[in-house]
PDB file of N, CA and C in Angstrom:
ATOM      1  N   MET A   1      19.047  13.637   1.686  1.00  0.00           N
ATOM      2  CA  MET A   1      18.604  12.945   0.486  1.00  0.00           C
ATOM      3  C   MET A   1      17.375  12.091   0.761  1.00  0.00           C
ATOM      4  N   GLY A   2      17.028  11.864   2.003  1.00  0.00           N
ATOM      5  CA  GLY A   2      15.844  11.076   2.304  1.00  0.00           C
ATOM      6  C   GLY A   2      16.039   9.583   2.187  1.00  0.00           C
ATOM      7  N   LEU A   3      17.271   9.121   2.247  1.00  0.00           N
ATOM      8  CA  LEU A   3      17.518   7.691   2.112  1.00  0.00           C
ATOM      9  C   LEU A   3      17.184   6.918   3.388  1.00  0.00           C
ATOM     10  N   VAL A   4      17.235   7.591   4.521  1.00  0.00           N
ATOM     11  CA  VAL A   4      16.955   6.945   5.804  1.00  0.00           C
ATOM     12  C   VAL A   4      15.889   7.766   6.511  1.00  0.00           C
ATOM     13  N   ASN A   5      14.843   7.097   6.962  1.00  0.00           N
ATOM     14  CA  ASN A   5      13.827   7.827   7.716  1.00  0.00           C
ATOM     15  C   ASN A   5      13.670   7.316   9.146  1.00  0.00           C
ATOM     16  N   ARG A   6      14.412   6.259   9.487  1.00  0.00           N
ATOM     17  CA  ARG A   6      14.327   5.732  10.847  1.00  0.00           C
ATOM     18  C   ARG A   6      15.579   4.919  11.132  1.00  0.00           C
ATOM     19  N   VAL A   7      16.116   5.099  12.328  1.00  0.00           N
ATOM     20  CA  VAL A   7      17.243   4.299  12.803  1.00  0.00           C
ATOM     21  C   VAL A   7      16.801   3.677  14.123  1.00  0.00           C
ATOM     22  N   VAL A   8      16.954   2.356  14.222  1.00  0.00           N
ATOM     23  CA  VAL A   8      16.580   1.666  15.461  1.00  0.00           C
ATOM     24  C   VAL A   8      17.753   0.815  15.929  1.00  0.00           C
ATOM     25  N   LYS A   9      17.757   0.532  17.208  1.00  0.00           N
ATOM     26  CA  LYS A   9      18.792  -0.333  17.761  1.00  0.00           C
ATOM     27  C   LYS A   9      18.608  -1.742  17.210  1.00  0.00           C
ATOM     28  N   VAL A  10      19.694  -2.454  17.056  1.00  0.00           N
ATOM     29  CA  VAL A  10      19.645  -3.823  16.541  1.00  0.00           C
ATOM     30  C   VAL A  10      18.695  -4.669  17.378  1.00  0.00           C
ATOM     31  N   ALA A  11      18.718  -4.473  18.674  1.00  0.00           N
ATOM     32  CA  ALA A  11      17.859  -5.261  19.565  1.00  0.00           C
ATOM     33  C   ALA A  11      16.373  -4.979  19.318  1.00  0.00           C
ATOM     34  N   ASP A  12      16.053  -3.818  18.770  1.00  0.00           N
ATOM     35  CA  ASP A  12      14.652  -3.434  18.526  1.00  0.00           C
ATOM     36  C   ASP A  12      14.203  -3.681  17.085  1.00  0.00           C
ATOM     37  N   LEU A  13      15.109  -4.094  16.235  1.00  0.00           N
ATOM     38  CA  LEU A  13      14.829  -4.190  14.812  1.00  0.00           C
ATOM     39  C   LEU A  13      13.703  -5.167  14.482  1.00  0.00           C
ATOM     40  N   ASP A  14      13.731  -6.366  15.030  1.00  0.00           N
ATOM     41  CA  ASP A  14      12.688  -7.354  14.722  1.00  0.00           C
ATOM     42  C   ASP A  14      11.309  -6.845  15.101  1.00  0.00           C
ATOM     43  N   ASP A  15      11.186  -6.268  16.290  1.00  0.00           N
ATOM     44  CA  ASP A  15       9.888  -5.738  16.722  1.00  0.00           C
ATOM     45  C   ASP A  15       9.437  -4.592  15.827  1.00  0.00           C
ATOM     46  N   TYR A  16      10.374  -3.716  15.481  1.00  0.00           N
ATOM     47  CA  TYR A  16      10.018  -2.582  14.626  1.00  0.00           C
ATOM     48  C   TYR A  16       9.526  -3.067  13.267  1.00  0.00           C
ATOM     49  N   VAL A  17      10.250  -3.992  12.674  1.00  0.00           N
ATOM     50  CA  VAL A  17       9.869  -4.508  11.352  1.00  0.00           C
ATOM     51  C   VAL A  17       8.521  -5.225  11.433  1.00  0.00           C
ATOM     52  N   SER A  18       8.296  -6.014  12.463  1.00  0.00           N
ATOM     53  CA  SER A  18       7.017  -6.715  12.622  1.00  0.00           C
ATOM     54  C   SER A  18       5.860  -5.730  12.739  1.00  0.00           C
ATOM     55  N   ASN A  19       6.042  -4.711  13.560  1.00  0.00           N
ATOM     56  CA  ASN A  19       4.995  -3.706  13.740  1.00  0.00           C
ATOM     57  C   ASN A  19       4.738  -2.931  12.447  1.00  0.00           C
ATOM     58  N   TYR A  20       5.805  -2.606  11.738  1.00  0.00           N
ATOM     59  CA  TYR A  20       5.657  -1.862  10.488  1.00  0.00           C
ATOM     60  C   TYR A  20       4.942  -2.703   9.433  1.00  0.00           C
ATOM     61  N   ALA A  21       5.305  -3.972   9.357  1.00  0.00           N
ATOM     62  CA  ALA A  21       4.648  -4.877   8.408  1.00  0.00           C
ATOM     63  C   ALA A  21       3.171  -5.047   8.756  1.00  0.00           C
ATOM     64  N   ALA A  22       2.856  -5.124  10.044  1.00  0.00           N
ATOM     65  CA  ALA A  22       1.459  -5.240  10.471  1.00  0.00           C
ATOM     66  C   ALA A  22       0.682  -3.979  10.103  1.00  0.00           C
ATOM     67  N   MET A  23       1.316  -2.821  10.225  1.00  0.00           N
ATOM     68  CA  MET A  23       0.672  -1.566   9.867  1.00  0.00           C
ATOM     69  C   MET A  23       0.372  -1.541   8.366  1.00  0.00           C
ATOM     70  N   ILE A  24       1.323  -1.968   7.560  1.00  0.00           N
ATOM     71  CA  ILE A  24       1.099  -2.025   6.110  1.00  0.00           C
ATOM     72  C   ILE A  24      -0.003  -3.033   5.800  1.00  0.00           C
ATOM     73  N   GLY A  25       0.052  -4.188   6.441  1.00  0.00           N
ATOM     74  CA  GLY A  25      -0.941  -5.239   6.217  1.00  0.00           C
ATOM     75  C   GLY A  25      -2.340  -4.846   6.638  1.00  0.00           C
ATOM     76  N   GLY A  26      -2.472  -3.844   7.491  1.00  0.00           N
ATOM     77  CA  GLY A  26      -3.782  -3.384   7.930  1.00  0.00           C
ATOM     78  C   GLY A  26      -4.457  -2.450   6.941  1.00  0.00           C
ATOM     79  N   ASN A  27      -3.767  -2.118   5.875  1.00  0.00           N
ATOM     80  CA  ASN A  27      -4.346  -1.252   4.856  1.00  0.00           C
ATOM     81  C   ASN A  27      -5.249  -2.058   3.926  1.00  0.00           C
ATOM     82  N   ALA A  28      -5.895  -1.375   3.012  1.00  0.00           N
ATOM     83  CA  ALA A  28      -6.835  -2.018   2.086  1.00  0.00           C
ATOM     84  C   ALA A  28      -6.134  -3.104   1.279  1.00  0.00           C
ATOM     85  N   PRO A  29      -6.609  -4.351   1.351  1.00  0.00           N
ATOM     86  CA  PRO A  29      -5.955  -5.457   0.653  1.00  0.00           C
ATOM     87  C   PRO A  29      -5.875  -5.248  -0.863  1.00  0.00           C
ATOM     88  N   LEU A  30      -6.907  -4.670  -1.446  1.00  0.00           N
ATOM     89  CA  LEU A  30      -6.895  -4.415  -2.890  1.00  0.00           C
ATOM     90  C   LEU A  30      -5.753  -3.465  -3.244  1.00  0.00           C
ATOM     91  N   THR A  31      -5.600  -2.426  -2.455  1.00  0.00           N
ATOM     92  CA  THR A  31      -4.548  -1.450  -2.711  1.00  0.00           C
ATOM     93  C   THR A  31      -3.172  -2.071  -2.534  1.00  0.00           C
ATOM     94  N   ILE A  32      -2.989  -2.860  -1.497  1.00  0.00           N
ATOM     95  CA  ILE A  32      -1.698  -3.512  -1.273  1.00  0.00           C
ATOM     96  C   ILE A  32      -1.356  -4.405  -2.469  1.00  0.00           C
ATOM     97  N   ARG A  33      -2.325  -5.167  -2.934  1.00  0.00           N
ATOM     98  CA  ARG A  33      -2.116  -6.066  -4.081  1.00  0.00           C
ATOM     99  C   ARG A  33      -1.727  -5.264  -5.328  1.00  0.00           C
ATOM    100  N   GLN A  34      -2.424  -4.146  -5.554  1.00  0.00           N
ATOM    101  CA  GLN A  34      -2.138  -3.348  -6.743  1.00  0.00           C
ATOM    102  C   GLN A  34      -0.791  -2.639  -6.636  1.00  0.00           C
ATOM    103  N   VAL A  35      -0.415  -2.207  -5.445  1.00  0.00           N
ATOM    104  CA  VAL A  35       0.895  -1.584  -5.253  1.00  0.00           C
ATOM    105  C   VAL A  35       1.999  -2.600  -5.555  1.00  0.00           C
ATOM    106  N   LYS A  36       1.825  -3.826  -5.097  1.00  0.00           N
ATOM    107  CA  LYS A  36       2.816  -4.870  -5.390  1.00  0.00           C
ATOM    108  C   LYS A  36       2.939  -5.088  -6.904  1.00  0.00           C
ATOM    109  N   GLY A  37       1.797  -5.124  -7.589  1.00  0.00           N
ATOM    110  CA  GLY A  37       1.825  -5.295  -9.041  1.00  0.00           C
ATOM    111  C   GLY A  37       2.515  -4.125  -9.732  1.00  0.00           C
ATOM    112  N   THR A  38       2.227  -2.916  -9.277  1.00  0.00           N
ATOM    113  CA  THR A  38       2.840  -1.730  -9.868  1.00  0.00           C
ATOM    114  C   THR A  38       4.342  -1.716  -9.643  1.00  0.00           C
ATOM    115  N   ILE A  39       4.773  -2.055  -8.439  1.00  0.00           N
ATOM    116  CA  ILE A  39       6.208  -2.112  -8.162  1.00  0.00           C
ATOM    117  C   ILE A  39       6.864  -3.156  -9.065  1.00  0.00           C
ATOM    118  N   GLY A  40       6.196  -4.288  -9.250  1.00  0.00           N
ATOM    119  CA  GLY A  40       6.717  -5.320 -10.145  1.00  0.00           C
ATOM    120  C   GLY A  40       6.889  -4.803 -11.566  1.00  0.00           C
ATOM    121  N   GLU A  41       5.915  -4.035 -12.038  1.00  0.00           N
ATOM    122  CA  GLU A  41       6.025  -3.465 -13.380  1.00  0.00           C
ATOM    123  C   GLU A  41       7.164  -2.457 -13.456  1.00  0.00           C
ATOM    124  N   LEU A  42       7.307  -1.632 -12.442  1.00  0.00           N
ATOM    125  CA  LEU A  42       8.346  -0.606 -12.453  1.00  0.00           C
ATOM    126  C   LEU A  42       9.750  -1.183 -12.320  1.00  0.00           C
ATOM    127  N   MET A  43       9.861  -2.396 -11.821  1.00  0.00           N
ATOM    128  CA  MET A  43      11.163  -3.055 -11.708  1.00  0.00           C
ATOM    129  C   MET A  43      11.610  -3.654 -13.049  1.00  0.00           C
ATOM    130  N   LYS A  44      10.688  -3.760 -13.983  1.00  0.00           N
ATOM    131  CA  LYS A  44      11.007  -4.310 -15.303  1.00  0.00           C
ATOM    132  C   LYS A  44      11.781  -3.294 -16.130  1.00  0.00           C
ATOM    133  N   ASP A  45      12.402  -3.789 -17.175  1.00  0.00           N
ATOM    134  CA  ASP A  45      13.039  -2.925 -18.161  1.00  0.00           C
ATOM    135  C   ASP A  45      11.963  -1.975 -18.714  1.00  0.00           C
ATOM    136  N   PRO A  46      12.278  -0.687 -18.878  1.00  0.00           N
ATOM    137  CA  PRO A  46      11.267   0.270 -19.345  1.00  0.00           C
ATOM    138  C   PRO A  46      10.508  -0.168 -20.596  1.00  0.00           C
ATOM    139  N   ALA A  47      11.149  -0.851 -21.503  1.00  0.00           N
ATOM    140  CA  ALA A  47      10.491  -1.289 -22.737  1.00  0.00           C
ATOM    141  C   ALA A  47       9.467  -2.394 -22.484  1.00  0.00           C
ATOM    142  N   GLU A  48       9.579  -3.096 -21.356  1.00  0.00           N
ATOM    143  CA  GLU A  48       8.693  -4.215 -21.053  1.00  0.00           C
ATOM    144  C   GLU A  48       7.581  -3.859 -20.076  1.00  0.00           C
ATOM    145  N   ARG A  49       7.593  -2.650 -19.545  1.00  0.00           N
ATOM    146  CA  ARG A  49       6.589  -2.237 -18.557  1.00  0.00           C
ATOM    147  C   ARG A  49       5.217  -2.064 -19.195  1.00  0.00           C
ATOM    148  N   ASP A  50       4.206  -2.463 -18.454  1.00  0.00           N
ATOM    149  CA  ASP A  50       2.818  -2.265 -18.890  1.00  0.00           C
ATOM    150  C   ASP A  50       2.219  -1.152 -18.032  1.00  0.00           C
ATOM    151  N   LEU A  51       2.513   0.095 -18.403  1.00  0.00           N
ATOM    152  CA  LEU A  51       2.025   1.230 -17.631  1.00  0.00           C
ATOM    153  C   LEU A  51       0.516   1.392 -17.766  1.00  0.00           C
ATOM    154  N   GLY A  52      -0.046   0.889 -18.842  1.00  0.00           N
ATOM    155  CA  GLY A  52      -1.504   0.891 -18.983  1.00  0.00           C
ATOM    156  C   GLY A  52      -2.155   0.042 -17.901  1.00  0.00           C
ATOM    157  N   GLN A  53      -1.551  -1.102 -17.601  1.00  0.00           N
ATOM    158  CA  GLN A  53      -2.068  -1.953 -16.529  1.00  0.00           C
ATOM    159  C   GLN A  53      -1.951  -1.233 -15.193  1.00  0.00           C
ATOM    160  N   CYS A  54      -0.846  -0.544 -14.973  1.00  0.00           N
ATOM    161  CA  CYS A  54      -0.675   0.221 -13.731  1.00  0.00           C
ATOM    162  C   CYS A  54      -1.778   1.263 -13.591  1.00  0.00           C
ATOM    163  N   ASP A  55      -2.104   1.947 -14.684  1.00  0.00           N
ATOM    164  CA  ASP A  55      -3.190   2.930 -14.656  1.00  0.00           C
ATOM    165  C   ASP A  55      -4.520   2.273 -14.313  1.00  0.00           C
ATOM    166  N   LYS A  56      -4.767   1.075 -14.864  1.00  0.00           N
ATOM    167  CA  LYS A  56      -6.007   0.349 -14.551  1.00  0.00           C
ATOM    168  C   LYS A  56      -6.059  -0.008 -13.072  1.00  0.00           C
ATOM    169  N   TRP A  57      -4.917  -0.421 -12.506  1.00  0.00           N
ATOM    170  CA  TRP A  57      -4.882  -0.762 -11.084  1.00  0.00           C
ATOM    171  C   TRP A  57      -5.193   0.449 -10.224  1.00  0.00           C
ATOM    172  N   VAL A  58      -4.605   1.584 -10.573  1.00  0.00           N
ATOM    173  CA  VAL A  58      -4.858   2.811  -9.800  1.00  0.00           C
ATOM    174  C   VAL A  58      -6.336   3.183  -9.894  1.00  0.00           C
ATOM    175  N   LYS A  59      -6.886   3.159 -11.090  1.00  0.00           N
ATOM    176  CA  LYS A  59      -8.306   3.482 -11.264  1.00  0.00           C
ATOM    177  C   LYS A  59      -9.177   2.507 -10.474  1.00  0.00           C
ATOM    178  N   GLY A  60      -8.816   1.228 -10.507  1.00  0.00           N
ATOM    179  CA  GLY A  60      -9.567   0.228  -9.757  1.00  0.00           C
ATOM    180  C   GLY A  60      -9.573   0.500  -8.266  1.00  0.00           C
ATOM    181  N   CYS A  61      -8.456   0.963  -7.750  1.00  0.00           N
ATOM    182  CA  CYS A  61      -8.399   1.302  -6.317  1.00  0.00           C
ATOM    183  C   CYS A  61      -9.311   2.480  -6.004  1.00  0.00           C
ATOM    184  N   PHE A  62      -9.264   3.516  -6.847  1.00  0.00           N
ATOM    185  CA  PHE A  62     -10.103   4.696  -6.606  1.00  0.00           C
ATOM    186  C   PHE A  62     -11.584   4.394  -6.798  1.00  0.00           C
ATOM    187  N   ASP A  63     -11.906   3.393  -7.605  1.00  0.00           N
ATOM    188  CA  ASP A  63     -13.303   3.021  -7.849  1.00  0.00           C
ATOM    189  C   ASP A  63     -13.817   1.968  -6.863  1.00  0.00           C
ATOM    190  N   SER A  64     -12.983   1.560  -5.914  1.00  0.00           N
ATOM    191  CA  SER A  64     -13.343   0.443  -5.034  1.00  0.00           C
ATOM    192  C   SER A  64     -14.187   0.877  -3.831  1.00  0.00           C
ATOM    193  N   ALA A  65     -14.895  -0.099  -3.288  1.00  0.00           N
ATOM    194  CA  ALA A  65     -15.648   0.122  -2.054  1.00  0.00           C
ATOM    195  C   ALA A  65     -14.689   0.419  -0.895  1.00  0.00           C
ATOM    196  N   ASP A  66     -13.497  -0.161  -0.932  1.00  0.00           N
ATOM    197  CA  ASP A  66     -12.513   0.112   0.121  1.00  0.00           C
ATOM    198  C   ASP A  66     -12.096   1.583   0.125  1.00  0.00           C
ATOM    199  N   TYR A  67     -12.003   2.191  -1.043  1.00  0.00           N
ATOM    200  CA  TYR A  67     -11.650   3.610  -1.111  1.00  0.00           C
ATOM    201  C   TYR A  67     -12.735   4.451  -0.441  1.00  0.00           C
ATOM    202  N   VAL A  68     -13.980   4.142  -0.747  1.00  0.00           N
ATOM    203  CA  VAL A  68     -15.102   4.855  -0.130  1.00  0.00           C
ATOM    204  C   VAL A  68     -15.072   4.647   1.383  1.00  0.00           C
ATOM    205  N   GLU A  69     -14.831   3.420   1.807  1.00  0.00           N
ATOM    206  CA  GLU A  69     -14.756   3.111   3.240  1.00  0.00           C
ATOM    207  C   GLU A  69     -13.607   3.864   3.898  1.00  0.00           C
ATOM    208  N   GLY A  70     -12.463   3.913   3.257  1.00  0.00           N
ATOM    209  CA  GLY A  70     -11.320   4.630   3.816  1.00  0.00           C
ATOM    210  C   GLY A  70     -11.606   6.099   3.994  1.00  0.00           C
ATOM    211  N   GLN A  71     -12.231   6.717   3.009  1.00  0.00           N
ATOM    212  CA  GLN A  71     -12.586   8.130   3.123  1.00  0.00           C
ATOM    213  C   GLN A  71     -13.594   8.357   4.247  1.00  0.00           C
ATOM    214  N   ALA A  72     -14.613   7.501   4.310  1.00  0.00           N
ATOM    215  CA  ALA A  72     -15.630   7.643   5.355  1.00  0.00           C
ATOM    216  C   ALA A  72     -15.017   7.470   6.735  1.00  0.00           C
ATOM    217  N   ALA A  73     -14.162   6.471   6.888  1.00  0.00           N
ATOM    218  CA  ALA A  73     -13.523   6.229   8.181  1.00  0.00           C
ATOM    219  C   ALA A  73     -12.660   7.419   8.597  1.00  0.00           C
ATOM    220  N   PHE A  74     -11.936   7.988   7.643  1.00  0.00           N
ATOM    221  CA  PHE A  74     -11.111   9.158   7.943  1.00  0.00           C
ATOM    222  C   PHE A  74     -11.973  10.320   8.422  1.00  0.00           C
ATOM    223  N   MET A  75     -13.051  10.596   7.706  1.00  0.00           N
ATOM    224  CA  MET A  75     -13.924  11.713   8.063  1.00  0.00           C
ATOM    225  C   MET A  75     -14.616  11.482   9.415  1.00  0.00           C
ATOM    226  N   GLU A  76     -14.902  10.221   9.718  1.00  0.00           N
ATOM    227  CA  GLU A  76     -15.576   9.880  10.977  1.00  0.00           C
ATOM    228  C   GLU A  76     -14.594   9.588  12.102  1.00  0.00           C
ATOM    229  N   LYS A  77     -13.305   9.738  11.810  1.00  0.00           N
ATOM    230  CA  LYS A  77     -12.230   9.516  12.793  1.00  0.00           C
ATOM    231  C   LYS A  77     -12.322   8.138  13.450  1.00  0.00           C
ATOM    232  N   ARG A  78     -12.458   7.136  12.591  1.00  0.00           N
ATOM    233  CA  ARG A  78     -12.511   5.754  13.068  1.00  0.00           C
ATOM    234  C   ARG A  78     -11.600   4.905  12.194  1.00  0.00           C
ATOM    235  N   ARG A  79     -11.345   3.706  12.650  1.00  0.00           N
ATOM    236  CA  ARG A  79     -10.511   2.775  11.891  1.00  0.00           C
ATOM    237  C   ARG A  79     -11.338   2.184  10.743  1.00  0.00           C
ATOM    238  N   ALA A  80     -10.781   2.154   9.568  1.00  0.00           N
ATOM    239  CA  ALA A  80     -11.478   1.621   8.391  1.00  0.00           C
ATOM    240  C   ALA A  80     -11.589   0.095   8.493  1.00  0.00           C
ATOM    241  N   GLU A  81     -12.676  -0.411   7.945  1.00  0.00           N
ATOM    242  CA  GLU A  81     -12.899  -1.861   7.874  1.00  0.00           C
ATOM    243  C   GLU A  81     -12.896  -2.255   6.398  1.00  0.00           C
ATOM    244  N   PHE A  82     -11.717  -2.591   5.901  1.00  0.00           N
ATOM    245  CA  PHE A  82     -11.554  -2.909   4.483  1.00  0.00           C
ATOM    246  C   PHE A  82     -12.015  -4.329   4.182  1.00  0.00           C
ATOM    247  N   LYS A  83     -12.609  -4.505   3.000  1.00  0.00           N
ATOM    248  CA  LYS A  83     -13.138  -5.804   2.579  1.00  0.00           C
ATOM    249  C   LYS A  83     -12.418  -6.382   1.370  1.00  0.00           C
ATOM    250  N   GLY A  84     -11.522  -5.616   0.763  1.00  0.00           N
ATOM    251  CA  GLY A  84     -10.825  -6.103  -0.428  1.00  0.00           C
ATOM    252  C   GLY A  84     -11.677  -6.015  -1.674  1.00  0.00           C
ATOM    253  N   ARG A  85     -12.632  -5.096  -1.676  1.00  0.00           N
ATOM    254  CA  ARG A  85     -13.506  -4.887  -2.850  1.00  0.00           C
ATOM    255  C   ARG A  85     -13.498  -3.426  -3.250  1.00  0.00           C
TER     256      ARG A  85
END
């Protein structure tokens, strides 16, 4: 069902979570912010969700300088330098 994708020993859990959080935090700040907003909208009652705002956030991410930087970094096989724009 895909409910679990990783099992770690209890003794390794803190390190694993810290490393995973750092990996997420290393992504484009604009995208992380918009994903948080989208998740917040999706957690609302369906009648109260602003899916139009979610669409604007997605478009904003694709129109951002960070998106261009991410694509360039991928093609050049280097680490992206995101600016949050």
